[in-house]
């Protein structure tokens, strides 16, 4: 299983996520069926071309969709990005503190 951002998800991560969620989750369904739904190029006109590079707007859009689908608060969505194995199957892996910075949680 690859990812839309060119990073390969480790086979053990995939195996553990599938074993712990045999029926799947919304995040796993999105990963399997909608990978590449959003790309940074889709949002290119919304951001300046110069200056320091910001967070990936495609990642933020995907987190926003899953946040809505699972009826999560901002803090819960940040925690899901940081901790939930099924969300780690999304096009970014090893999110670590990225999830907290992504949604502005401290």
Protein backbone atom coordinates (compact mmCIF):
# COMPACT_ATOMS: atom_id res chain seq x y z
CA UNK A 1 0.00 0.00 0.00
CA UNK A 2 1.53 3.28 -1.06
CA UNK A 3 0.45 6.81 -0.46
CA UNK A 4 -0.46 9.82 -2.53
CA UNK A 5 2.47 11.81 -1.19
CA UNK A 6 5.02 9.30 -2.43
CA UNK A 7 5.77 7.76 0.97
CA UNK A 8 5.35 4.03 1.45
CA UNK A 9 3.42 2.98 4.54
CA UNK A 10 5.31 0.27 6.43
CA UNK A 11 3.74 -3.17 5.97
CA UNK A 12 3.64 -3.73 9.73
CA UNK A 13 1.64 -0.52 10.22
CA UNK A 14 -0.90 -1.67 7.64
CA UNK A 15 -1.06 -5.16 9.19
CA UNK A 16 -1.56 -3.79 12.73
CA UNK A 17 -4.25 -1.33 11.62
CA UNK A 18 -6.15 -4.04 9.74
CA UNK A 19 -5.83 -6.48 12.66
CA UNK A 20 -7.05 -3.93 15.21
CA UNK A 21 -9.91 -2.76 12.97
CA UNK A 22 -11.03 -5.83 10.97
CA UNK A 23 -14.21 -4.10 9.73
CA UNK A 24 -12.28 -0.95 8.89
CA UNK A 25 -12.87 2.66 9.87
CA UNK A 26 -13.80 5.84 8.03
CA UNK A 27 -10.11 6.79 7.83
CA UNK A 28 -9.21 3.39 6.36
CA UNK A 29 -12.02 3.65 3.80
CA UNK A 30 -10.82 7.10 2.76
CA UNK A 31 -7.28 5.76 2.46
CA UNK A 32 -8.38 2.81 0.31
CA UNK A 33 -10.87 4.62 -1.93
CA UNK A 34 -10.11 8.33 -1.99
CA UNK A 35 -6.32 8.51 -1.91
CA UNK A 36 -5.37 11.54 -3.96
CA UNK A 37 -8.82 13.15 -3.67
CA UNK A 38 -7.15 16.38 -2.61
CA UNK A 39 -3.80 17.61 -3.88
CA UNK A 40 -1.88 20.71 -2.92
CA UNK A 41 -2.28 21.94 -6.50
CA UNK A 42 -6.05 22.08 -5.97
CA UNK A 43 -5.44 24.89 -3.47
CA UNK A 44 -2.52 26.61 -5.21
CA UNK A 45 -4.48 29.77 -6.07
CA UNK A 46 -5.40 30.28 -2.42
CA UNK A 47 -1.82 30.59 -1.19
CA UNK A 48 1.05 32.92 -2.08
CA UNK A 49 3.85 31.47 -4.18
CA UNK A 50 6.61 33.18 -2.19
CA UNK A 51 7.53 33.02 1.47
CA UNK A 52 7.85 30.16 3.88
CA UNK A 53 6.02 27.03 2.93
CA UNK A 54 3.00 26.24 5.07
CA UNK A 55 1.23 23.03 5.94
CA UNK A 56 -0.13 20.95 3.12
CA UNK A 57 -3.64 22.22 2.32
CA UNK A 58 -4.53 18.78 0.95
CA UNK A 59 -3.72 17.21 4.33
CA UNK A 60 -5.76 19.83 6.16
CA UNK A 61 -8.71 19.24 3.82
CA UNK A 62 -8.55 15.48 4.39
CA UNK A 63 -8.40 15.90 8.16
CA UNK A 64 -11.35 18.31 7.97
CA UNK A 65 -13.42 15.78 6.02
CA UNK A 66 -12.66 13.00 8.51
CA UNK A 67 -13.27 15.35 11.43
CA UNK A 68 -16.73 16.08 10.05
CA UNK A 69 -17.44 12.43 9.20
CA UNK A 70 -16.57 11.30 12.73
CA UNK A 71 -18.15 14.35 14.43
CA UNK A 72 -14.92 15.27 16.23
CA UNK A 73 -13.92 18.52 17.88
CA UNK A 74 -10.72 20.22 16.73
CA UNK A 75 -8.83 18.78 19.70
CA UNK A 76 -10.21 15.27 19.10
CA UNK A 77 -9.21 15.44 15.43
CA UNK A 78 -5.70 16.58 16.38
CA UNK A 79 -5.47 13.68 18.82
CA UNK A 80 -6.66 11.25 16.13
CA UNK A 81 -3.93 12.46 13.75
CA UNK A 82 -1.37 12.06 16.50
CA UNK A 83 -2.46 8.75 18.06
CA UNK A 84 -4.88 6.66 16.01
CA UNK A 85 -3.31 3.91 13.97
CA UNK A 86 -6.08 3.97 11.34
CA UNK A 87 -5.42 7.68 10.71
CA UNK A 88 -1.71 6.87 10.28
CA UNK A 89 -2.68 4.95 7.13
CA UNK A 90 -3.58 8.25 5.51
CA UNK A 91 -1.21 9.88 3.01
CA UNK A 92 1.10 11.08 5.76
CA UNK A 93 2.66 8.65 8.24
CA UNK A 94 4.37 9.19 11.53
CA UNK A 95 2.45 12.41 12.05
CA UNK A 96 3.69 12.82 15.63
CA UNK A 97 3.11 16.38 16.80
CA UNK A 98 2.09 17.36 13.27
CA UNK A 99 -1.52 16.68 14.25
CA UNK A 100 -1.39 19.17 17.08
CA UNK A 101 0.27 21.86 14.97
CA UNK A 102 -2.08 21.13 12.06
CA UNK A 103 -5.21 22.11 13.94
CA UNK A 104 -3.69 24.70 16.23
CA UNK A 105 -4.12 22.69 19.42
CA UNK A 106 -1.51 23.23 22.14
